[in-house]
């Protein structure tokens, strides 16, 4: 019976993941547990990049609040930033998004 279940449950050729991988994934999903952060990721996915001022306007949140959400996403490794003059521009980390996607893949 046990052998039968393992054949049914596992995809052929799927490599088992390590516990450390799941911890990193869980931290990234936790960063996405706030609707404003999901909106930021969605915006960056559709536009490629955005500065804080654009996100403040789109989210209709105060700049310190948006900056806090960006910091959480940055610490989770989901986004990166680049300074251009006085503005910070943010973009997704494609590898991090792909890893989360693969965690949920059937």
N, C-alpha and C. Protein backbone atom coordinates (compact mmCIF):
# COMPACT_ATOMS: atom_id res chain seq x y z
N UNK A 1 0.83 -1.20 0.00
CA UNK A 1 0.00 0.00 0.00
C UNK A 1 0.86 1.25 0.00
N UNK A 2 1.88 1.32 0.86
CA UNK A 2 2.75 2.47 0.95
C UNK A 2 3.46 2.71 -0.39
N UNK A 3 3.92 1.65 -1.02
CA UNK A 3 4.60 1.76 -2.31
C UNK A 3 3.65 2.33 -3.37
N UNK A 4 2.41 1.88 -3.33
CA UNK A 4 1.41 2.36 -4.29
C UNK A 4 1.19 3.87 -4.14
N UNK A 5 1.12 4.38 -2.90
CA UNK A 5 0.89 5.80 -2.67
C UNK A 5 2.04 6.64 -3.18
N UNK A 6 3.26 6.18 -3.00
CA UNK A 6 4.39 6.98 -3.46
C UNK A 6 4.40 7.09 -4.97
N UNK A 7 3.96 6.06 -5.67
CA UNK A 7 3.90 6.12 -7.12
C UNK A 7 2.81 7.07 -7.58
N UNK A 8 1.72 7.15 -6.84
CA UNK A 8 0.62 8.02 -7.20
C UNK A 8 0.93 9.47 -6.86
N UNK A 9 1.57 9.72 -5.74
CA UNK A 9 1.77 11.08 -5.24
C UNK A 9 2.89 11.84 -5.93
N UNK A 10 3.91 11.18 -6.35
CA UNK A 10 5.09 11.88 -6.86
C UNK A 10 5.11 11.93 -8.37
N UNK A 11 5.49 13.07 -8.88
CA UNK A 11 5.65 13.20 -10.32
C UNK A 11 6.94 12.50 -10.74
N UNK A 12 6.93 11.82 -11.86
CA UNK A 12 8.16 11.19 -12.33
C UNK A 12 9.23 12.25 -12.58
N UNK A 13 10.41 11.99 -12.09
CA UNK A 13 11.53 12.89 -12.32
C UNK A 13 11.55 14.11 -11.42
N UNK A 14 10.58 14.25 -10.52
CA UNK A 14 10.56 15.40 -9.62
C UNK A 14 11.59 15.20 -8.52
N UNK A 15 12.43 16.18 -8.35
CA UNK A 15 13.45 16.11 -7.31
C UNK A 15 12.85 16.54 -5.98
N UNK A 16 13.11 15.78 -4.92
CA UNK A 16 12.60 16.20 -3.62
C UNK A 16 13.30 17.48 -3.18
N UNK A 17 12.58 18.33 -2.49
CA UNK A 17 13.16 19.59 -2.03
C UNK A 17 13.65 19.43 -0.59
N UNK A 18 14.64 20.23 -0.26
CA UNK A 18 15.23 20.22 1.07
C UNK A 18 14.41 21.11 2.01
N UNK A 19 14.51 20.84 3.30
CA UNK A 19 13.78 21.62 4.30
C UNK A 19 14.16 23.09 4.24
N UNK A 20 15.43 23.41 3.96
CA UNK A 20 15.86 24.80 3.85
C UNK A 20 15.14 25.52 2.71
N UNK A 21 14.89 24.79 1.61
CA UNK A 21 14.17 25.37 0.48
C UNK A 21 12.77 25.78 0.91
N UNK A 22 12.12 24.93 1.68
CA UNK A 22 10.76 25.22 2.12
C UNK A 22 10.74 26.41 3.08
N UNK A 23 11.76 26.55 3.91
CA UNK A 23 11.83 27.69 4.82
C UNK A 23 11.94 28.99 4.02
N UNK A 24 12.80 29.01 3.01
CA UNK A 24 12.94 30.19 2.17
C UNK A 24 11.64 30.50 1.43
N UNK A 25 11.00 29.46 0.91
CA UNK A 25 9.72 29.66 0.21
C UNK A 25 8.67 30.20 1.17
N UNK A 26 8.62 29.65 2.38
CA UNK A 26 7.63 30.10 3.36
C UNK A 26 7.85 31.57 3.72
N UNK A 27 9.10 32.00 3.84
CA UNK A 27 9.38 33.40 4.14
C UNK A 27 8.93 34.31 3.00
N UNK A 28 9.10 33.83 1.77
CA UNK A 28 8.67 34.63 0.62
C UNK A 28 7.14 34.69 0.55
N UNK A 29 6.49 33.56 0.79
CA UNK A 29 5.02 33.58 0.79
C UNK A 29 4.49 34.46 1.93
N UNK A 30 5.17 34.44 3.06
CA UNK A 30 4.76 35.28 4.19
C UNK A 30 4.84 36.76 3.80
N UNK A 31 5.87 37.12 3.04
CA UNK A 31 5.99 38.50 2.58
C UNK A 31 4.82 38.88 1.68
N UNK A 32 4.23 37.90 1.03
CA UNK A 32 3.10 38.15 0.14
C UNK A 32 1.75 38.03 0.85
N UNK A 33 1.77 37.92 2.17
CA UNK A 33 0.52 37.75 2.91
C UNK A 33 -0.24 39.07 3.11
N UNK A 34 0.33 40.17 2.67
CA UNK A 34 -0.29 41.48 2.79
C UNK A 34 -0.79 41.92 1.41
N UNK A 35 -2.06 42.28 1.29
CA UNK A 35 -2.61 42.66 -0.02
C UNK A 35 -1.83 43.75 -0.75
N UNK A 36 -1.31 44.73 -0.02
CA UNK A 36 -0.55 45.80 -0.67
C UNK A 36 0.72 45.25 -1.31
N UNK A 37 1.34 44.27 -0.68
CA UNK A 37 2.56 43.67 -1.24
C UNK A 37 2.24 42.85 -2.48
N UNK A 38 1.12 42.16 -2.47
CA UNK A 38 0.69 41.43 -3.67
C UNK A 38 0.45 42.43 -4.79
N UNK A 39 -0.16 43.56 -4.48
CA UNK A 39 -0.41 44.59 -5.49
C UNK A 39 0.90 45.14 -6.04
N UNK A 40 1.89 45.33 -5.18
CA UNK A 40 3.20 45.80 -5.64
C UNK A 40 3.83 44.79 -6.59
N UNK A 41 3.82 43.52 -6.21
CA UNK A 41 4.40 42.47 -7.06
C UNK A 41 3.65 42.41 -8.39
N UNK A 42 2.34 42.52 -8.33
CA UNK A 42 1.54 42.50 -9.55
C UNK A 42 1.90 43.68 -10.46
N UNK A 43 2.04 44.84 -9.88
CA UNK A 43 2.40 46.04 -10.64
C UNK A 43 3.78 45.88 -11.29
N UNK A 44 4.74 45.37 -10.52
CA UNK A 44 6.08 45.18 -11.06
C UNK A 44 6.10 44.11 -12.14
N UNK A 45 5.27 43.10 -11.99
CA UNK A 45 5.20 42.04 -13.00
C UNK A 45 4.63 42.57 -14.31
N UNK A 46 3.69 43.49 -14.21
CA UNK A 46 3.06 44.00 -15.43
C UNK A 46 3.82 45.17 -16.05
N UNK A 47 4.52 45.96 -15.24
CA UNK A 47 5.21 47.15 -15.76
C UNK A 47 6.72 46.97 -15.89
N UNK A 48 7.26 45.97 -15.25
CA UNK A 48 8.70 45.76 -15.30
C UNK A 48 9.43 46.44 -14.16
N UNK A 49 9.10 47.70 -13.92
CA UNK A 49 9.72 48.43 -12.81
C UNK A 49 8.82 49.60 -12.44
N UNK A 50 9.06 50.12 -11.24
CA UNK A 50 8.30 51.28 -10.78
C UNK A 50 9.10 51.98 -9.70
N UNK A 51 8.90 53.29 -9.61
CA UNK A 51 9.53 54.04 -8.51
C UNK A 51 8.51 54.16 -7.38
N UNK A 52 9.00 54.55 -6.23
CA UNK A 52 8.14 54.66 -5.06
C UNK A 52 6.99 55.63 -5.32
N UNK A 53 7.29 56.74 -5.99
CA UNK A 53 6.23 57.74 -6.22
C UNK A 53 5.08 57.15 -7.05
N UNK A 54 5.40 56.30 -8.02
CA UNK A 54 4.35 55.65 -8.82
C UNK A 54 3.52 54.70 -7.97
N UNK A 55 4.20 53.96 -7.11
CA UNK A 55 3.50 52.99 -6.27
C UNK A 55 2.62 53.69 -5.24
N UNK A 56 3.07 54.82 -4.72
CA UNK A 56 2.26 55.61 -3.78
C UNK A 56 0.96 56.02 -4.45
N UNK A 57 1.06 56.50 -5.69
CA UNK A 57 -0.14 56.93 -6.41
C UNK A 57 -1.08 55.76 -6.70
N UNK A 58 -0.53 54.65 -7.15
CA UNK A 58 -1.35 53.49 -7.54
C UNK A 58 -2.01 52.85 -6.32
N UNK A 59 -1.26 52.69 -5.24
CA UNK A 59 -1.78 52.01 -4.05
C UNK A 59 -2.60 52.93 -3.16
N UNK A 60 -2.46 54.24 -3.36
CA UNK A 60 -3.14 55.23 -2.52
C UNK A 60 -2.80 55.03 -1.05
N UNK A 61 -1.50 54.82 -0.81
CA UNK A 61 -0.97 54.67 0.54
C UNK A 61 0.09 55.73 0.76
N UNK A 62 0.38 56.03 2.00
CA UNK A 62 1.43 56.99 2.33
C UNK A 62 2.79 56.44 1.93
N UNK A 63 3.71 57.33 1.60
CA UNK A 63 5.05 56.92 1.18
C UNK A 63 5.76 56.05 2.22
N UNK A 64 5.70 56.38 3.52
CA UNK A 64 6.36 55.50 4.49
C UNK A 64 5.77 54.08 4.52
N UNK A 65 4.48 53.96 4.29
CA UNK A 65 3.84 52.65 4.27
C UNK A 65 4.30 51.85 3.06
N UNK A 66 4.34 52.49 1.90
CA UNK A 66 4.82 51.82 0.69
C UNK A 66 6.28 51.41 0.86
N UNK A 67 7.09 52.30 1.43
CA UNK A 67 8.50 51.98 1.66
C UNK A 67 8.67 50.78 2.59
N UNK A 68 7.81 50.69 3.60
CA UNK A 68 7.85 49.54 4.50
C UNK A 68 7.55 48.25 3.73
N UNK A 69 6.50 48.26 2.92
CA UNK A 69 6.15 47.06 2.14
C UNK A 69 7.27 46.69 1.17
N UNK A 70 7.89 47.68 0.56
CA UNK A 70 9.01 47.41 -0.35
C UNK A 70 10.19 46.80 0.40
N UNK A 71 10.44 47.27 1.61
CA UNK A 71 11.54 46.71 2.42
C UNK A 71 11.28 45.24 2.73
N UNK A 72 10.04 44.92 3.10
CA UNK A 72 9.69 43.52 3.40
C UNK A 72 9.89 42.64 2.17
N UNK A 73 9.45 43.11 1.02
CA UNK A 73 9.62 42.34 -0.22
C UNK A 73 11.09 42.22 -0.60
N UNK A 74 11.86 43.27 -0.37
CA UNK A 74 13.29 43.24 -0.65
C UNK A 74 14.01 42.25 0.26
N UNK A 75 13.69 42.27 1.55
CA UNK A 75 14.31 41.36 2.51
C UNK A 75 13.96 39.90 2.21
N UNK A 76 12.78 39.68 1.62
CA UNK A 76 12.37 38.32 1.24
C UNK A 76 13.03 37.88 -0.07
N UNK A 77 13.73 38.79 -0.71
CA UNK A 77 14.41 38.44 -1.96
C UNK A 77 13.52 38.45 -3.19
N UNK A 78 12.34 39.04 -3.07
CA UNK A 78 11.40 39.05 -4.20
C UNK A 78 11.62 40.23 -5.14
N UNK A 79 12.17 41.32 -4.62
CA UNK A 79 12.41 42.49 -5.46
C UNK A 79 13.82 43.02 -5.19
N UNK A 80 14.30 43.81 -6.15
CA UNK A 80 15.57 44.52 -6.01
C UNK A 80 15.31 45.98 -6.37
N UNK A 81 16.27 46.84 -6.01
CA UNK A 81 16.10 48.25 -6.33
C UNK A 81 17.38 48.83 -6.93
N UNK A 82 17.18 49.95 -7.60
CA UNK A 82 18.30 50.67 -8.23
C UNK A 82 18.04 52.16 -8.06
N UNK A 83 19.04 52.88 -7.59
CA UNK A 83 18.89 54.32 -7.41
C UNK A 83 19.18 55.02 -8.73
N UNK A 84 18.29 55.94 -9.09
CA UNK A 84 18.48 56.81 -10.27
C UNK A 84 18.21 58.23 -9.82
N UNK A 85 19.26 58.95 -9.59
CA UNK A 85 19.12 60.31 -9.05
C UNK A 85 18.59 60.22 -7.63
N UNK A 86 17.47 60.87 -7.38
CA UNK A 86 16.88 60.84 -6.04
C UNK A 86 15.84 59.74 -5.88
N UNK A 87 15.51 59.03 -6.96
CA UNK A 87 14.46 58.03 -6.92
C UNK A 87 15.03 56.62 -6.88
N UNK A 88 14.28 55.75 -6.20
CA UNK A 88 14.60 54.32 -6.18
C UNK A 88 13.60 53.62 -7.10
N UNK A 89 14.12 52.82 -8.00
CA UNK A 89 13.28 52.03 -8.90
C UNK A 89 13.36 50.58 -8.49
N UNK A 90 12.22 49.92 -8.46
CA UNK A 90 12.11 48.54 -8.01
C UNK A 90 11.71 47.63 -9.17
N UNK A 91 12.22 46.40 -9.13
CA UNK A 91 11.85 45.39 -10.11
C UNK A 91 11.88 44.02 -9.44
N UNK A 92 11.16 43.07 -10.04
CA UNK A 92 11.11 41.71 -9.49
C UNK A 92 12.43 40.99 -9.70
N UNK A 93 12.67 40.00 -8.85
CA UNK A 93 13.78 39.08 -9.04
C UNK A 93 13.18 37.84 -9.72
N UNK A 94 13.37 37.71 -11.03
CA UNK A 94 12.70 36.62 -11.76
C UNK A 94 12.95 35.23 -11.18
N UNK A 95 14.17 34.95 -10.74
CA UNK A 95 14.48 33.62 -10.20
C UNK A 95 13.66 33.33 -8.95
N UNK A 96 13.47 34.34 -8.10
CA UNK A 96 12.68 34.14 -6.87
C UNK A 96 11.22 33.87 -7.21
N UNK A 97 10.68 34.60 -8.18
CA UNK A 97 9.29 34.39 -8.58
C UNK A 97 9.13 33.00 -9.21
N UNK A 98 10.09 32.61 -10.04
CA UNK A 98 10.05 31.27 -10.66
C UNK A 98 10.10 30.16 -9.62
N UNK A 99 10.90 30.35 -8.57
CA UNK A 99 10.99 29.34 -7.51
C UNK A 99 9.65 29.20 -6.79
N UNK A 100 9.00 30.31 -6.51
CA UNK A 100 7.67 30.24 -5.87
C UNK A 100 6.68 29.56 -6.79
N UNK A 101 6.75 29.91 -8.06
CA UNK A 101 5.84 29.28 -9.04
C UNK A 101 6.07 27.77 -9.08
N UNK A 102 7.31 27.33 -9.07
CA UNK A 102 7.60 25.90 -9.12
C UNK A 102 7.16 25.17 -7.86
N UNK A 103 7.12 25.89 -6.74
CA UNK A 103 6.63 25.29 -5.49
C UNK A 103 5.16 24.91 -5.61
N UNK A 104 4.41 25.69 -6.37
CA UNK A 104 2.98 25.47 -6.52
C UNK A 104 2.63 24.64 -7.74
N UNK A 105 3.63 24.36 -8.58
CA UNK A 105 3.36 23.63 -9.82
C UNK A 105 2.90 22.20 -9.53
N UNK A 106 1.92 21.72 -10.30
CA UNK A 106 1.45 20.35 -10.07
C UNK A 106 2.45 19.32 -10.55
